[in-house]
């Protein structure tokens, strides 16, 4: 199930403004279709996604820890 957050363009500006905190993130294509989910330190993860051209858009939910981010992911995968 998708995150209930607005999409942001996955570009340098978004990566630069992303917090360096653990998060669950959702990557999307240019049409807003989900192409994948991930967890980790958000800014680092988005730098990698941008470098590899994995997606055009992104949205995220901040987590308190790596374990919290994994729980959020499990909740979204189950739904």
Protein backbone atom coordinates (compact mmCIF):
# COMPACT_ATOMS: atom_id res chain seq x y z
CA UNK A 1 0.00 0.00 0.00
CA UNK A 2 1.29 3.43 -0.89
CA UNK A 3 2.25 6.06 1.66
CA UNK A 4 -0.37 8.74 2.25
CA UNK A 5 2.08 11.52 1.42
CA UNK A 6 2.44 13.76 -1.64
CA UNK A 7 5.01 12.81 -4.27
CA UNK A 8 8.16 14.92 -4.60
CA UNK A 9 10.36 15.02 -7.67
CA UNK A 10 13.46 12.93 -7.10
CA UNK A 11 16.11 15.53 -7.89
CA UNK A 12 19.13 17.16 -6.25
CA UNK A 13 16.96 19.71 -4.46
CA UNK A 14 14.81 17.01 -2.85
CA UNK A 15 17.84 14.95 -1.90
CA UNK A 16 19.51 18.03 -0.39
CA UNK A 17 16.45 18.88 1.67
CA UNK A 18 15.81 15.32 2.87
CA UNK A 19 16.65 14.73 6.52
CA UNK A 20 19.54 12.45 7.45
CA UNK A 21 17.24 10.27 9.52
CA UNK A 22 15.90 6.76 9.22
CA UNK A 23 12.79 6.52 7.11
CA UNK A 24 10.54 4.35 5.03
CA UNK A 25 10.53 5.69 1.48
CA UNK A 26 8.53 4.92 -1.63
CA UNK A 27 9.93 5.41 -5.12
CA UNK A 28 7.67 6.15 -8.08
CA UNK A 29 7.87 6.60 -11.82
CA UNK A 30 6.95 9.75 -13.76
CA UNK A 31 3.28 8.71 -13.75
CA UNK A 32 3.18 8.29 -9.96
CA UNK A 33 3.15 4.51 -10.04
CA UNK A 34 5.10 2.84 -7.23
CA UNK A 35 8.31 1.13 -8.32
CA UNK A 36 9.55 0.13 -4.87
CA UNK A 37 9.93 0.74 -1.17
CA UNK A 38 13.04 0.95 0.97
CA UNK A 39 14.35 1.85 4.39
CA UNK A 40 17.51 3.46 5.65
CA UNK A 41 19.04 6.86 6.27
CA UNK A 42 16.86 8.85 3.91
CA UNK A 43 19.35 11.28 2.39
CA UNK A 44 21.85 8.48 1.70
CA UNK A 45 19.19 6.26 0.17
CA UNK A 46 17.89 9.06 -2.05
CA UNK A 47 21.41 9.95 -3.23
CA UNK A 48 21.81 6.38 -4.39
CA UNK A 49 18.38 6.23 -6.05
CA UNK A 50 19.09 9.49 -7.88
CA UNK A 51 22.54 8.33 -9.00
CA UNK A 52 21.18 5.07 -10.41
CA UNK A 53 18.07 6.61 -11.96
CA UNK A 54 15.85 4.19 -10.07
CA UNK A 55 12.83 6.51 -9.99
CA UNK A 56 11.41 9.92 -10.86
CA UNK A 57 9.50 10.62 -7.65
CA UNK A 58 9.71 9.87 -3.95
CA UNK A 59 7.73 10.17 -0.75
CA UNK A 60 8.67 9.14 2.76
CA UNK A 61 7.75 8.70 6.40
CA UNK A 62 10.37 9.49 9.04
CA UNK A 63 11.14 6.77 11.60
CA UNK A 64 12.72 6.89 15.05
CA UNK A 65 15.22 4.12 14.32
CA UNK A 66 16.21 1.50 11.77
CA UNK A 67 13.93 -0.99 13.54
CA UNK A 68 11.01 1.45 13.39
CA UNK A 69 11.58 1.97 9.65
CA UNK A 70 11.52 -1.81 9.13
CA UNK A 71 8.25 -2.09 11.09
CA UNK A 72 6.71 0.65 8.93
CA UNK A 73 7.80 -1.24 5.83
CA UNK A 74 6.30 -4.49 7.14
CA UNK A 75 3.00 -2.69 7.83
CA UNK A 76 2.84 -1.32 4.28
CA UNK A 77 3.76 -4.64 2.69
CA UNK A 78 1.05 -6.46 4.68
CA UNK A 79 -1.71 -4.03 3.65
